[in-house]
Amino acid sequence: MAHLFISIKKLSDEPYSKILGYPKATSSQIKSRITELEKLKIRSVSFTGPTTIGNLAILGKGYVGVVVLAKKNNKLVALKIRRTDSQRNEMKNEAILLKLVNSVNVGPKMLVASKNFLVMEYLEGIKISEWVYLLKGIGSAKKIKSTVRKILEDCYRLDQLGFDHGELSNISKHVIVGKTKSTLIDFESSSTKRRPSNVTSITQAFFIGSGIAKKVQKIYKNSSKEKIIEALKQYKQEKTRKSFDELLKILKL
């Protein structure tokens, strides 16, 4: 799909400046952010995506920042812009966390960061909640099993790393299913200081709690909730490959 890109110089004009300095910024803040983008070799931005601010479309919006599609040199990237009302003073800590998850092949690749921006790999895809509802017909059980298995394997690697994503119980916003890869996104609430519960949160979201769980259950019949909860308890106690494999078996993955 072709996207319309505008030069970062135009980001000082309304309505684009609203995104660059979301939710509110002075003209000098906007000017300094454009200079910061130039240093990062961000040339242009495209307003496209499933979320809107005013009448502009963007890729996503969280407590810390808003994410837009951009071009670094000539390569498509996801650009996370720090909100002016964010409690974080800079984006570097999130960049460190993203690099850490990248070390076990999880998440979009971290490319470069500065005070107000985080530049990462752009993953074309849709949120998992949307993807699950679009699944129909022959082969959907196979598709959902391989995608869920891949996400759980990612979560297992994060658990082993002692890294907690922090927001996986709300799975719909934090897993992207793409053409080439499905992955966890948005590590702004992550921590290495909390006890990790990535596998537990994702399993509950997919198979026990949410609207997604109801849809998954319709696509393929799973073990009883009691059996799944029992396997999760076992995994939480040990967090070994053996207890993880046992969980996968119960989940018929």
Protein backbone atom coordinates (compact mmCIF):
# COMPACT_ATOMS: atom_id res chain seq x y z
CA MET A 1 0.00 0.00 0.00
CA ALA A 2 1.39 3.41 -1.00
CA HIS A 3 1.57 5.97 1.79
CA LEU A 4 1.63 9.72 1.37
CA PHE A 5 4.71 11.17 3.09
CA ILE A 6 5.24 14.77 4.14
CA SER A 7 8.59 16.38 4.89
CA ILE A 8 9.43 16.81 8.59
CA LYS A 9 9.79 20.56 7.89
CA LYS A 10 5.99 20.67 7.55
CA LEU A 11 5.55 19.27 11.06
CA SER A 12 5.72 22.83 12.41
CA ASP A 13 2.35 23.54 10.71
CA GLU A 14 -1.10 22.68 12.04
CA PRO A 15 -2.51 20.02 12.26
CA TYR A 16 0.80 18.07 12.10
CA SER A 17 2.39 20.01 14.97
CA LYS A 18 -0.38 18.61 17.22
CA ILE A 19 1.13 15.14 16.73
CA LEU A 20 4.78 16.16 17.00
CA GLY A 21 4.07 17.95 20.28
CA TYR A 22 1.13 15.91 21.51
CA PRO A 23 -0.92 16.89 23.47
CA LYS A 24 0.47 20.46 23.70
CA ALA A 25 3.79 22.08 22.80
CA THR A 26 5.24 25.55 22.30
CA SER A 27 6.58 26.57 18.89
CA SER A 28 10.14 26.44 20.24
CA GLN A 29 9.58 22.84 21.46
CA ILE A 30 8.29 21.92 17.99
CA LYS A 31 11.28 23.58 16.33
CA SER A 32 13.75 21.77 18.60
CA ARG A 33 12.00 18.43 17.95
CA ILE A 34 12.32 18.93 14.18
CA THR A 35 16.08 19.51 14.65
CA GLU A 36 16.23 16.33 16.75
CA LEU A 37 14.51 14.39 13.93
CA GLU A 38 17.01 15.75 11.40
CA LYS A 39 19.87 14.43 13.57
CA LEU A 40 18.17 11.00 13.60
CA LYS A 41 18.01 11.17 9.76
CA ILE A 42 14.21 11.05 9.78
CA ARG A 43 13.22 12.70 6.50
CA SER A 44 9.44 12.39 6.33
CA VAL A 45 6.32 11.13 8.09
CA SER A 46 3.08 9.52 6.92
CA PHE A 47 -0.18 9.88 8.79
CA THR A 48 -1.71 6.44 8.46
CA GLY A 49 -2.89 3.72 10.85
CA PRO A 50 -5.77 2.46 12.96
CA THR A 51 -5.75 5.24 15.61
CA THR A 52 -6.74 8.89 15.15
CA ILE A 53 -5.84 12.14 16.87
CA GLY A 54 -8.07 14.93 15.59
CA ASN A 55 -8.40 14.11 11.90
CA LEU A 56 -4.94 12.55 11.53
CA ALA A 57 -4.35 8.78 11.48
CA ILE A 58 -1.42 7.30 13.44
CA LEU A 59 -0.08 3.82 14.19
CA GLY A 60 -0.70 3.95 17.94
CA LYS A 61 -1.01 5.99 21.12
CA GLY A 62 0.03 5.18 24.69
CA TYR A 63 0.76 6.91 28.01
CA VAL A 64 4.33 7.68 27.00
CA GLY A 65 4.10 8.42 23.32
CA VAL A 66 2.38 8.39 19.97
CA VAL A 67 3.66 6.24 17.10
CA VAL A 68 3.71 7.27 13.44
CA LEU A 69 5.05 5.78 10.22
CA ALA A 70 8.22 7.56 9.08
CA LYS A 71 11.17 7.28 6.70
CA LYS A 72 14.74 7.15 7.96
CA ASN A 73 16.84 7.80 4.89
CA ASN A 74 14.63 5.77 2.53
CA LYS A 75 13.62 2.99 4.88
CA LEU A 76 10.16 2.69 6.48
CA VAL A 77 10.35 2.86 10.29
CA ALA A 78 8.01 3.26 13.26
CA LEU A 79 8.69 6.53 15.07
CA LYS A 80 7.61 6.84 18.69
CA ILE A 81 7.22 10.48 19.76
CA ARG A 82 7.40 11.24 23.48
CA ARG A 83 4.26 12.96 24.73
CA THR A 84 4.87 16.38 26.28
CA ASP A 85 2.76 15.35 29.30
CA SER A 86 4.60 12.04 29.80
CA GLN A 87 6.09 11.26 33.20
CA ARG A 88 9.19 9.99 31.41
CA ASN A 89 11.79 12.69 30.74
CA GLU A 90 13.28 10.81 27.81
CA MET A 91 12.99 7.73 25.61
CA LYS A 92 16.39 6.20 26.32
CA ASN A 93 15.21 3.83 29.05
CA GLU A 94 12.59 2.30 26.77
CA ALA A 95 15.29 1.96 24.09
CA ILE A 96 17.46 -0.02 26.56
CA LEU A 97 14.51 -2.33 27.37
CA LEU A 98 13.74 -2.84 23.68
CA LYS A 99 17.39 -3.70 22.97
CA LEU A 100 17.25 -6.24 25.79
CA VAL A 101 14.19 -8.01 24.34
CA ASN A 102 15.76 -7.86 20.87
CA SER A 103 18.68 -9.86 22.33
CA VAL A 104 16.30 -12.86 22.57
CA ASN A 105 14.63 -12.10 19.20
CA VAL A 106 11.48 -10.51 20.62
CA GLY A 107 9.81 -7.25 19.60
CA PRO A 108 10.40 -4.82 16.76
CA LYS A 109 14.11 -4.09 16.20
CA MET A 110 15.34 -1.01 18.04
CA LEU A 111 17.22 1.23 15.60
CA VAL A 112 18.09 4.51 17.33
CA ALA A 113 16.78 6.74 20.13
CA SER A 114 17.09 10.30 21.41
CA LYS A 115 15.49 12.35 24.19
CA ASN A 116 12.07 12.61 22.54
CA PHE A 117 12.09 9.83 19.94
CA LEU A 118 12.45 6.10 19.57
CA VAL A 119 13.01 4.76 16.05
CA MET A 120 12.25 1.08 15.50
CA GLU A 121 11.45 -1.47 12.82
CA TYR A 122 8.07 -0.91 11.20
CA LEU A 123 5.93 -4.06 11.37
CA GLU A 124 3.11 -4.10 8.88
CA GLY A 125 0.21 -6.00 10.41
CA ILE A 126 -2.92 -5.79 12.52
CA LYS A 127 -3.69 -6.08 16.22
CA ILE A 128 -4.31 -9.64 17.34
CA SER A 129 -7.88 -8.91 18.49
CA GLU A 130 -8.74 -7.84 14.93
CA TRP A 131 -6.86 -10.75 13.38
CA VAL A 132 -8.67 -13.37 15.50
CA TYR A 133 -12.07 -11.97 14.49
CA LEU A 134 -11.13 -12.13 10.80
CA LEU A 135 -10.21 -15.83 11.00
CA LYS A 136 -12.66 -18.00 9.10
CA GLY A 137 -12.94 -21.39 7.46
CA ILE A 138 -10.46 -24.15 6.74
CA GLY A 139 -7.02 -23.75 8.18
CA SER A 140 -7.97 -21.19 10.86
CA ALA A 141 -7.22 -23.63 13.71
CA LYS A 142 -3.76 -24.24 12.24
CA LYS A 143 -3.13 -20.50 11.81
CA ILE A 144 -4.18 -19.61 15.33
CA LYS A 145 -2.16 -22.46 16.84
CA SER A 146 1.06 -21.46 15.08
CA THR A 147 0.62 -17.75 15.92
CA VAL A 148 -0.23 -18.36 19.59
CA ARG A 149 2.63 -20.84 19.91
CA LYS A 150 5.07 -18.28 18.46
CA ILE A 151 3.86 -15.57 20.91
CA LEU A 152 4.09 -17.99 23.86
CA GLU A 153 7.64 -18.97 22.88
CA ASP A 154 8.53 -15.23 22.88
CA CYS A 155 6.95 -14.88 26.32
CA TYR A 156 8.89 -17.90 27.60
CA ARG A 157 12.17 -16.31 26.44
CA LEU A 158 11.24 -13.08 28.23
CA ASP A 159 10.41 -15.04 31.41
CA GLN A 160 13.83 -16.70 31.21
CA LEU A 161 15.39 -13.26 30.81
CA GLY A 162 13.69 -12.06 34.01
CA PHE A 163 11.84 -9.45 31.95
CA ASP A 164 8.17 -8.56 32.53
CA HIS A 165 6.24 -6.85 29.72
CA GLY A 166 3.68 -5.57 32.21
CA GLU A 167 0.62 -5.18 30.00
CA LEU A 168 -0.02 -8.54 28.42
CA SER A 169 -3.30 -9.17 30.20
CA ASN A 170 -4.60 -6.52 27.77
CA ILE A 171 -3.40 -8.57 24.83
CA SER A 172 -5.39 -6.81 22.09
CA LYS A 173 -3.10 -3.76 22.02
CA HIS A 174 0.22 -5.48 22.52
CA VAL A 175 0.48 -8.21 19.90
CA ILE A 176 0.78 -7.45 16.19
CA VAL A 177 0.18 -10.17 13.61
CA GLY A 178 2.07 -9.32 10.44
CA LYS A 179 2.70 -10.84 7.05
CA THR A 180 6.25 -11.81 7.93
CA LYS A 181 6.20 -12.02 11.73
CA SER A 182 3.94 -11.77 14.74
CA THR A 183 5.40 -10.11 17.78
CA LEU A 184 4.87 -8.37 21.09
CA ILE A 185 5.04 -4.59 20.94
CA ASP A 186 5.05 -1.60 23.28
CA PHE A 187 7.52 -2.12 26.10
CA GLU A 188 6.96 1.24 27.81
CA SER A 189 5.65 -0.36 31.04
CA SER A 190 8.21 -3.17 31.07
CA SER A 191 10.59 -3.95 33.90
CA THR A 192 13.42 -6.27 34.87
CA LYS A 193 12.68 -5.60 38.55
CA ARG A 194 9.28 -7.33 38.71
CA ARG A 195 8.60 -11.04 38.73
CA PRO A 196 7.89 -11.87 35.08
CA SER A 197 4.43 -13.18 34.21
CA ASN A 198 4.48 -13.04 30.41
CA VAL A 199 3.52 -16.67 29.71
CA THR A 200 0.83 -16.60 32.42
CA SER A 201 -0.74 -13.32 31.22
CA ILE A 202 -0.82 -14.33 27.54
CA THR A 203 -2.20 -17.81 28.30
CA GLN A 204 -4.98 -16.31 30.42
CA ALA A 205 -5.79 -13.73 27.74
CA PHE A 206 -5.91 -16.32 24.93
CA PHE A 207 -7.59 -19.21 26.70
CA ILE A 208 -9.29 -18.13 29.91
CA GLY A 209 -10.37 -14.53 30.24
CA SER A 210 -11.12 -12.27 27.36
CA GLY A 211 -13.40 -12.02 24.34
CA ILE A 212 -10.46 -13.38 22.36
CA ALA A 213 -10.58 -16.57 24.49
CA LYS A 214 -14.23 -17.14 23.48
CA LYS A 215 -13.34 -16.78 19.80
CA VAL A 216 -10.29 -19.09 20.12
CA GLN A 217 -12.46 -21.70 21.84
CA LYS A 218 -14.85 -21.60 18.87
CA ILE A 219 -12.00 -22.15 16.41
CA TYR A 220 -10.53 -25.12 18.24
CA LYS A 221 -11.71 -27.00 21.31
CA ASN A 222 -9.22 -26.71 24.12
CA SER A 223 -8.59 -28.44 27.44
CA SER A 224 -10.78 -27.41 30.37
CA LYS A 225 -10.00 -24.16 32.20
CA GLU A 226 -9.14 -26.21 35.30
CA LYS A 227 -6.48 -28.17 33.42
CA ILE A 228 -5.00 -24.99 31.93
CA ILE A 229 -4.93 -23.25 35.35
CA GLU A 230 -3.26 -26.30 36.89
CA ALA A 231 -0.56 -26.35 34.18
CA LEU A 232 -0.04 -22.60 34.66
CA LYS A 233 0.41 -23.04 38.42
CA GLN A 234 3.02 -25.69 37.77
CA TYR A 235 4.81 -23.44 35.26
CA LYS A 236 4.73 -20.43 37.63
CA GLN A 237 6.46 -22.48 40.33
CA GLU A 238 9.27 -23.78 38.14
CA LYS A 239 9.44 -21.75 34.89
CA THR A 240 11.43 -24.62 33.30
CA ARG A 241 11.33 -25.77 29.67
CA LYS A 242 9.74 -29.00 30.87
CA SER A 243 6.83 -27.24 32.62
CA PHE A 244 6.46 -24.89 29.62
CA ASP A 245 6.27 -27.86 27.20
CA GLU A 246 3.69 -29.45 29.48
CA LEU A 247 1.62 -26.25 29.28
CA LEU A 248 1.89 -26.25 25.46
CA LYS A 249 0.66 -29.85 25.45
CA ILE A 250 -2.38 -28.96 27.59
CA LEU A 251 -3.07 -26.03 25.24
CA LYS A 252 -2.86 -28.44 22.28
CA LEU A 253 -0.09 -26.40 20.68
